[in-house]
Amino acid sequence: MAYILQVDFPMNGPFGEEMAETFAGLAESINQEEGFIWKVWTENPETKEAGGIYLFETRETAKKYIDMHMNRLAGFGIIDVRSRIFAVNDQLTSITGGPLQR
């Protein structure tokens, strides 16, 4: 069973192409995290929010990642971070075409 990690936080930018350029190195480093499968990056310039939806192999690796990520975000001055971990129902996700692997 895989686990979704949902994260969002207030952010003043950058967004769009500038966000992609600014955080490309971070994206590459996330690929190296233990148990990481994929991430969908989220952003909303109108409400000044960003975050992501991650898929991890286990609840433990998702928890380990968010603990590390909260510290990293605090280093950027971002402290109002919301996160949740959910188990993925593999059978229903397969029916609706959700990716469960890289």
Protein backbone atom coordinates (compact mmCIF):
# COMPACT_ATOMS: atom_id res chain seq x y z
CA MET A 1 0.00 0.00 0.00
CA ALA A 2 1.29 3.47 -0.91
CA TYR A 3 0.76 6.69 1.03
CA ILE A 4 -0.14 10.19 -0.12
CA LEU A 5 1.42 13.17 1.61
CA GLN A 6 -0.50 16.41 1.07
CA VAL A 7 1.37 19.64 1.89
CA ASP A 8 0.43 23.29 1.46
CA PHE A 9 1.64 26.58 2.86
CA PRO A 10 1.48 30.33 2.24
CA MET A 11 4.03 31.56 -0.30
CA ASN A 12 4.49 34.93 -1.98
CA GLY A 13 6.18 33.41 -5.00
CA PRO A 14 7.78 32.73 -7.32
CA PHE A 15 5.10 30.99 -9.38
CA GLY A 16 4.86 29.48 -12.85
CA GLU A 17 7.99 29.39 -15.00
CA GLU A 18 10.01 31.32 -12.42
CA MET A 19 9.03 28.76 -9.75
CA ALA A 20 10.09 25.92 -12.07
CA GLU A 21 13.48 27.51 -12.65
CA THR A 22 14.02 28.43 -9.00
CA PHE A 23 13.14 25.02 -7.57
CA ALA A 24 14.54 22.68 -10.26
CA GLY A 25 17.44 21.69 -7.99
CA LEU A 26 15.05 21.02 -5.11
CA ALA A 27 12.91 18.85 -7.38
CA GLU A 28 15.98 16.80 -8.32
CA SER A 29 16.90 16.34 -4.66
CA ILE A 30 13.39 15.15 -3.77
CA ASN A 31 13.87 12.32 -6.27
CA GLN A 32 16.58 10.96 -3.97
CA GLU A 33 14.43 10.74 -0.83
CA GLU A 34 13.88 7.31 0.69
CA GLY A 35 10.57 5.76 -0.35
CA PHE A 36 9.68 8.65 -2.69
CA ILE A 37 7.66 7.69 -5.80
CA TRP A 38 6.40 10.99 -7.30
CA LYS A 39 5.26 14.52 -6.55
CA VAL A 40 2.71 16.83 -8.14
CA TRP A 41 3.74 20.45 -7.46
CA THR A 42 0.85 22.78 -6.61
CA GLU A 43 0.63 26.56 -6.72
CA ASN A 44 -2.03 29.24 -6.52
CA PRO A 45 -0.71 32.76 -7.19
CA GLU A 46 -4.13 34.30 -6.45
CA THR A 47 -4.22 32.98 -2.88
CA LYS A 48 -0.43 32.97 -2.52
CA GLU A 49 -0.19 29.27 -1.68
CA ALA A 50 2.05 26.44 -2.82
CA GLY A 51 2.74 22.85 -1.91
CA GLY A 52 2.44 19.42 -3.36
CA ILE A 53 0.91 15.98 -3.43
CA TYR A 54 3.50 13.24 -2.92
CA LEU A 55 3.34 9.47 -3.18
CA PHE A 56 5.56 7.42 -0.85
CA GLU A 57 6.07 3.67 -0.47
CA THR A 58 5.29 3.65 3.26
CA ARG A 59 3.75 5.81 5.96
CA GLU A 60 7.13 5.83 7.70
CA THR A 61 8.98 7.27 4.68
CA ALA A 62 6.25 9.92 4.19
CA LYS A 63 6.53 10.88 7.87
CA LYS A 64 10.33 11.00 7.72
CA TYR A 65 10.15 13.23 4.65
CA ILE A 66 7.62 15.70 6.09
CA ASP A 67 9.63 16.01 9.30
CA MET A 68 12.72 16.93 7.24
CA HIS A 69 10.72 19.16 4.88
CA MET A 70 9.14 21.13 7.74
CA ASN A 71 12.64 21.98 8.97
CA ARG A 72 13.73 22.97 5.47
CA LEU A 73 10.68 25.21 4.99
CA ALA A 74 11.26 26.81 8.41
CA GLY A 75 14.74 27.68 7.15
CA PHE A 76 13.04 29.60 4.32
CA GLY A 77 10.85 31.38 6.89
CA ILE A 78 7.76 29.29 6.07
CA ILE A 79 6.20 28.07 9.30
CA ASP A 80 2.45 27.80 8.62
CA VAL A 81 2.70 24.42 6.90
CA ARG A 82 -0.26 22.06 6.70
CA SER A 83 0.40 18.38 6.04
CA ARG A 84 -1.61 15.18 6.02
CA ILE A 85 -0.79 11.58 5.25
CA PHE A 86 -3.40 9.28 3.69
CA ALA A 87 -3.30 5.58 2.82
CA VAL A 88 -4.06 4.94 -0.86
CA ASN A 89 -6.80 2.49 -1.76
CA ASP A 90 -4.94 0.69 -4.54
CA GLN A 91 -7.98 -1.07 -6.03
CA LEU A 92 -10.13 2.04 -6.45
CA THR A 93 -7.16 4.16 -7.56
CA SER A 94 -6.39 1.62 -10.30
CA ILE A 95 -9.99 1.77 -11.54
CA THR A 96 -9.81 5.57 -11.85
CA GLY A 97 -6.36 5.62 -13.48
CA GLY A 98 -4.34 7.04 -10.58
CA PRO A 99 -0.60 6.32 -10.91
CA LEU A 100 0.74 4.09 -8.16
CA GLN A 101 4.30 3.89 -9.39
CA ARG A 102 6.94 6.02 -11.05
